Amino acid sequence: MNLREYNKSVDLYSDNLFRFVLKNIKDEDKARDLVQDTFLKVWEKVDDISFKKVKSYLFTTAYHTLIDFVRREKKRGDWQDHFEDYYETENKYSDLQELLHRAIDLLPPDQKSTILLRDYEGYSYKEIAQITSLSEDQVKVYIFRGRKFLKHYLGSVEALL
């Protein structure tokens, strides 16, 4: 891949990568940093990457960068997380999208990533398997389990309204 193709890949895929990362971590600044790290990693291997496969390579790299970030953050912890439930009051939600985002945040990282790639970004099972380095069958299992959890957690739409 040459410089022109690299710049074109930045133009074509940076927004999609940002949305994918942001859906996972809910922090715009950190999401921008992770997308920038992803493009930096791609730039370091620009000679080894074909422009035809750059989209898959970008999402695979972003996924692994995101997983590494989540693991580091989990080890580090945050003092506010311990007290958040203590200060939170009970709210009734009428915004279904906010409720869905909260439910998605409760999923384990692998299920969350596969569901976001499938349902938000529109990737096929095969593409998700390549991005996440999982088998296609495991991707299907994660999506099934995640959707089953979401269905159970959200209940029926009529009950929410």
C-alpha atoms as a PDB file:
ATOM      1  CA  MET A   1       0.000   0.000   0.000  1.00  0.00           C
ATOM      2  CA  ASN A   2       1.358   3.426  -0.849  1.00  0.00           C
ATOM      3  CA  LEU A   3       0.861   6.817   0.812  1.00  0.00           C
ATOM      4  CA  ARG A   4      -2.110   7.769  -1.386  1.00  0.00           C
ATOM      5  CA  GLU A   5      -3.901   4.502  -0.586  1.00  0.00           C
ATOM      6  CA  TYR A   6      -3.138   4.905   3.116  1.00  0.00           C
ATOM      7  CA  ASN A   7      -4.636   8.407   3.119  1.00  0.00           C
ATOM      8  CA  LYS A   8      -7.651   7.113   1.235  1.00  0.00           C
ATOM      9  CA  SER A   9      -8.130   4.362   3.838  1.00  0.00           C
ATOM     10  CA  VAL A  10      -8.033   7.020   6.573  1.00  0.00           C
ATOM     11  CA  ASP A  11     -10.747   8.987   4.752  1.00  0.00           C
ATOM     12  CA  LEU A  12     -12.871   5.904   4.096  1.00  0.00           C
ATOM     13  CA  TYR A  13     -12.701   4.082   7.430  1.00  0.00           C
ATOM     14  CA  SER A  14     -11.804   6.473  10.244  1.00  0.00           C
ATOM     15  CA  ASP A  15     -15.447   7.343  11.016  1.00  0.00           C
ATOM     16  CA  ASN A  16     -16.486   3.682  11.095  1.00  0.00           C
ATOM     17  CA  LEU A  17     -13.578   2.783  13.362  1.00  0.00           C
ATOM     18  CA  PHE A  18     -14.380   5.697  15.666  1.00  0.00           C
ATOM     19  CA  ARG A  19     -18.038   4.631  15.949  1.00  0.00           C
ATOM     20  CA  PHE A  20     -17.028   1.042  16.666  1.00  0.00           C
ATOM     21  CA  VAL A  21     -14.561   2.010  19.386  1.00  0.00           C
ATOM     22  CA  LEU A  22     -16.849   4.656  20.873  1.00  0.00           C
ATOM     23  CA  LYS A  23     -19.725   2.177  21.194  1.00  0.00           C
ATOM     24  CA  ASN A  24     -17.418  -0.002  23.258  1.00  0.00           C
ATOM     25  CA  ILE A  25     -15.795   2.501  25.618  1.00  0.00           C
ATOM     26  CA  LYS A  26     -18.194   5.500  25.714  1.00  0.00           C
ATOM     27  CA  ASP A  27     -15.388   8.079  25.920  1.00  0.00           C
ATOM     28  CA  GLU A  28     -14.805  10.214  22.835  1.00  0.00           C
ATOM     29  CA  ASP A  29     -11.258  11.273  23.722  1.00  0.00           C
ATOM     30  CA  LYS A  30     -10.125   7.740  24.456  1.00  0.00           C
ATOM     31  CA  ALA A  31     -11.892   6.513  21.316  1.00  0.00           C
ATOM     32  CA  ARG A  32     -10.010   9.065  19.223  1.00  0.00           C
ATOM     33  CA  ASP A  33      -6.741   7.964  20.820  1.00  0.00           C
ATOM     34  CA  LEU A  34      -7.464   4.303  20.086  1.00  0.00           C
ATOM     35  CA  VAL A  35      -8.352   5.049  16.456  1.00  0.00           C
ATOM     36  CA  GLN A  36      -5.154   7.072  16.134  1.00  0.00           C
ATOM     37  CA  ASP A  37      -3.166   4.181  17.646  1.00  0.00           C
ATOM     38  CA  THR A  38      -4.822   1.849  15.152  1.00  0.00           C
ATOM     39  CA  PHE A  39      -3.810   3.975  12.176  1.00  0.00           C
ATOM     40  CA  LEU A  40      -0.307   4.317  13.603  1.00  0.00           C
ATOM     41  CA  LYS A  41       0.010   0.526  13.805  1.00  0.00           C
ATOM     42  CA  VAL A  42      -1.212   0.239  10.226  1.00  0.00           C
ATOM     43  CA  TRP A  43       1.268   2.902   9.111  1.00  0.00           C
ATOM     44  CA  GLU A  44       4.107   0.930  10.667  1.00  0.00           C
ATOM     45  CA  LYS A  45       3.175  -2.050   8.478  1.00  0.00           C
ATOM     46  CA  VAL A  46       1.993  -0.115   5.424  1.00  0.00           C
ATOM     47  CA  ASP A  47       4.327  -1.999   3.079  1.00  0.00           C
ATOM     48  CA  ASP A  48       2.945  -5.383   4.151  1.00  0.00           C
ATOM     49  CA  ILE A  49      -0.755  -4.534   3.767  1.00  0.00           C
ATOM     50  CA  SER A  50      -2.760  -4.736   0.582  1.00  0.00           C
ATOM     51  CA  PHE A  51      -5.199  -1.884  -0.018  1.00  0.00           C
ATOM     52  CA  LYS A  52      -7.898  -4.440  -0.825  1.00  0.00           C
ATOM     53  CA  LYS A  53      -7.619  -5.880   2.694  1.00  0.00           C
ATOM     54  CA  VAL A  54      -6.997  -2.674   4.617  1.00  0.00           C
ATOM     55  CA  LYS A  55     -10.560  -2.440   6.004  1.00  0.00           C
ATOM     56  CA  SER A  56     -10.364  -5.864   7.594  1.00  0.00           C
ATOM     57  CA  TYR A  57      -6.855  -5.160   8.858  1.00  0.00           C
ATOM     58  CA  LEU A  58      -7.959  -1.834  10.376  1.00  0.00           C
ATOM     59  CA  PHE A  59     -10.900  -3.342  12.236  1.00  0.00           C
ATOM     60  CA  THR A  60      -8.807  -6.280  13.423  1.00  0.00           C
ATOM     61  CA  THR A  61      -6.136  -3.924  14.705  1.00  0.00           C
ATOM     62  CA  ALA A  62      -8.743  -1.641  16.320  1.00  0.00           C
ATOM     63  CA  TYR A  63     -10.389  -4.630  17.989  1.00  0.00           C
ATOM     64  CA  HIS A  64      -7.104  -5.848  19.477  1.00  0.00           C
ATOM     65  CA  THR A  65      -6.113  -2.323  20.520  1.00  0.00           C
ATOM     66  CA  LEU A  66      -9.507  -1.940  22.188  1.00  0.00           C
ATOM     67  CA  ILE A  67      -9.195  -5.254  24.036  1.00  0.00           C
ATOM     68  CA  ASP A  68      -5.730  -4.283  25.289  1.00  0.00           C
ATOM     69  CA  PHE A  69      -7.073  -0.913  26.449  1.00  0.00           C
ATOM     70  CA  VAL A  70     -10.033  -2.506  28.270  1.00  0.00           C
ATOM     71  CA  ARG A  71      -7.714  -4.950  30.039  1.00  0.00           C
ATOM     72  CA  ARG A  72      -5.391  -2.140  31.138  1.00  0.00           C
ATOM     73  CA  GLU A  73      -8.317  -0.056  32.393  1.00  0.00           C
ATOM     74  CA  LYS A  74      -9.801  -3.011  34.255  1.00  0.00           C
ATOM     75  CA  LYS A  75      -6.522  -3.590  36.093  1.00  0.00           C
ATOM     76  CA  ARG A  76      -6.166   0.081  36.901  1.00  0.00           C
ATOM     77  CA  GLY A  77      -9.741   0.592  38.036  1.00  0.00           C
ATOM     78  CA  ASP A  78     -11.469   3.847  38.805  1.00  0.00           C
ATOM     79  CA  TRP A  79     -12.533   5.032  42.238  1.00  0.00           C
ATOM     80  CA  GLN A  80     -15.727   6.557  40.853  1.00  0.00           C
ATOM     81  CA  ASP A  81     -16.947   3.157  39.650  1.00  0.00           C
ATOM     82  CA  HIS A  82     -17.077   1.962  43.255  1.00  0.00           C
ATOM     83  CA  PHE A  83     -19.282   4.824  44.391  1.00  0.00           C
ATOM     84  CA  GLU A  84     -21.474   5.269  41.321  1.00  0.00           C
ATOM     85  CA  ASP A  85     -24.157   2.852  42.492  1.00  0.00           C
ATOM     86  CA  TYR A  86     -24.189   4.451  45.932  1.00  0.00           C
ATOM     87  CA  TYR A  87     -25.124   7.899  44.571  1.00  0.00           C
ATOM     88  CA  GLU A  88     -27.394   6.745  41.776  1.00  0.00           C
ATOM     89  CA  THR A  89     -31.123   7.264  42.107  1.00  0.00           C
ATOM     90  CA  GLU A  90     -33.789   5.175  40.489  1.00  0.00           C
ATOM     91  CA  ASN A  91     -34.876   6.597  37.153  1.00  0.00           C
ATOM     92  CA  LYS A  92     -37.632   5.616  34.795  1.00  0.00           C
ATOM     93  CA  TYR A  93     -36.370   5.526  31.219  1.00  0.00           C
ATOM     94  CA  SER A  94     -38.430   6.457  28.242  1.00  0.00           C
ATOM     95  CA  ASP A  95     -35.498   6.579  25.828  1.00  0.00           C
ATOM     96  CA  LEU A  96     -35.233   3.111  24.288  1.00  0.00           C
ATOM     97  CA  GLN A  97     -31.895   3.823  22.656  1.00  0.00           C
ATOM     98  CA  GLU A  98     -30.332   4.786  25.981  1.00  0.00           C
ATOM     99  CA  LEU A  99     -31.770   1.657  27.577  1.00  0.00           C
ATOM    100  CA  LEU A 100     -30.371  -0.479  24.759  1.00  0.00           C
ATOM    101  CA  HIS A 101     -26.928   1.110  25.124  1.00  0.00           C
ATOM    102  CA  ARG A 102     -26.963   0.400  28.855  1.00  0.00           C
ATOM    103  CA  ALA A 103     -27.925  -3.206  28.168  1.00  0.00           C
ATOM    104  CA  ILE A 104     -25.145  -3.571  25.574  1.00  0.00           C
ATOM    105  CA  ASP A 105     -22.639  -2.202  28.080  1.00  0.00           C
ATOM    106  CA  LEU A 106     -23.500  -5.092  30.424  1.00  0.00           C
ATOM    107  CA  LEU A 107     -22.390  -7.696  27.871  1.00  0.00           C
ATOM    108  CA  PRO A 108     -18.972  -9.364  28.149  1.00  0.00           C
ATOM    109  CA  PRO A 109     -16.405  -7.716  25.814  1.00  0.00           C
ATOM    110  CA  ASP A 110     -16.402 -10.498  23.187  1.00  0.00           C
ATOM    111  CA  GLN A 111     -20.201 -10.589  22.929  1.00  0.00           C
ATOM    112  CA  LYS A 112     -20.395  -6.805  22.871  1.00  0.00           C
ATOM    113  CA  SER A 113     -17.822  -6.489  20.090  1.00  0.00           C
ATOM    114  CA  THR A 114     -19.368  -9.181  17.914  1.00  0.00           C
ATOM    115  CA  ILE A 115     -22.865  -7.730  18.296  1.00  0.00           C
ATOM    116  CA  LEU A 116     -21.652  -4.216  17.494  1.00  0.00           C
ATOM    117  CA  LEU A 117     -19.763  -5.440  14.436  1.00  0.00           C
ATOM    118  CA  ARG A 118     -22.751  -7.440  13.223  1.00  0.00           C
ATOM    119  CA  ASP A 119     -25.730  -5.247  14.090  1.00  0.00           C
ATOM    120  CA  TYR A 120     -24.237  -1.743  14.046  1.00  0.00           C
ATOM    121  CA  GLU A 121     -21.519  -2.038  11.414  1.00  0.00           C
ATOM    122  CA  GLY A 122     -23.170  -4.737   9.249  1.00  0.00           C
ATOM    123  CA  TYR A 123     -20.273  -7.167   8.937  1.00  0.00           C
ATOM    124  CA  SER A 124     -20.828 -10.785   7.974  1.00  0.00           C
ATOM    125  CA  TYR A 125     -20.016 -13.625  10.349  1.00  0.00           C
ATOM    126  CA  LYS A 126     -16.954 -14.468   8.273  1.00  0.00           C
ATOM    127  CA  GLU A 127     -15.647 -10.886   8.406  1.00  0.00           C
ATOM    128  CA  ILE A 128     -16.232 -10.703  12.170  1.00  0.00           C
ATOM    129  CA  ALA A 129     -14.340 -13.966  12.597  1.00  0.00           C
ATOM    130  CA  GLN A 130     -11.390 -12.488  10.708  1.00  0.00           C
ATOM    131  CA  ILE A 131     -11.484  -9.233  12.689  1.00  0.00           C
ATOM    132  CA  THR A 132     -11.719 -10.871  16.116  1.00  0.00           C
ATOM    133  CA  SER A 133      -9.546 -13.935  15.389  1.00  0.00           C
ATOM    134  CA  LEU A 134     -12.398 -16.190  16.482  1.00  0.00           C
ATOM    135  CA  SER A 135     -13.926 -19.067  14.570  1.00  0.00           C
ATOM    136  CA  GLU A 136     -17.083 -18.327  12.626  1.00  0.00           C
ATOM    137  CA  ASP A 137     -18.998 -20.732  14.881  1.00  0.00           C
ATOM    138  CA  GLN A 138     -17.745 -18.933  18.000  1.00  0.00           C
ATOM    139  CA  VAL A 139     -18.843 -15.594  16.521  1.00  0.00           C
ATOM    140  CA  LYS A 140     -22.326 -17.016  15.994  1.00  0.00           C
ATOM    141  CA  VAL A 141     -22.397 -18.332  19.561  1.00  0.00           C
ATOM    142  CA  TYR A 142     -21.347 -14.956  21.008  1.00  0.00           C
ATOM    143  CA  ILE A 143     -23.956 -13.131  18.950  1.00  0.00           C
ATOM    144  CA  PHE A 144     -26.649 -15.628  19.926  1.00  0.00           C
ATOM    145  CA  ARG A 145     -25.802 -15.411  23.624  1.00  0.00           C
ATOM    146  CA  GLY A 146     -25.563 -11.642  23.511  1.00  0.00           C
ATOM    147  CA  ARG A 147     -28.908 -11.265  21.776  1.00  0.00           C
ATOM    148  CA  LYS A 148     -30.472 -13.742  24.193  1.00  0.00           C
ATOM    149  CA  PHE A 149     -29.188 -11.691  27.137  1.00  0.00           C
ATOM    150  CA  LEU A 150     -30.452  -8.454  25.555  1.00  0.00           C
ATOM    151  CA  LYS A 151     -33.868  -9.997  24.934  1.00  0.00           C
ATOM    152  CA  HIS A 152     -34.076 -11.194  28.528  1.00  0.00           C
ATOM    153  CA  TYR A 153     -32.743  -7.924  29.946  1.00  0.00           C
ATOM    154  CA  LEU A 154     -34.993  -5.671  27.894  1.00  0.00           C
ATOM    155  CA  GLY A 155     -38.076  -7.875  28.013  1.00  0.00           C
ATOM    156  CA  SER A 156     -40.816  -6.960  25.630  1.00  0.00           C
ATOM    157  CA  VAL A 157     -40.913  -3.569  23.963  1.00  0.00           C
ATOM    158  CA  GLU A 158     -44.515  -3.071  25.123  1.00  0.00           C
ATOM    159  CA  ALA A 159     -43.440  -3.390  28.766  1.00  0.00           C
ATOM    160  CA  LEU A 160     -40.845  -0.663  28.231  1.00  0.00           C
ATOM    161  CA  LEU A 161     -43.328   1.773  26.752  1.00  0.00           C
END
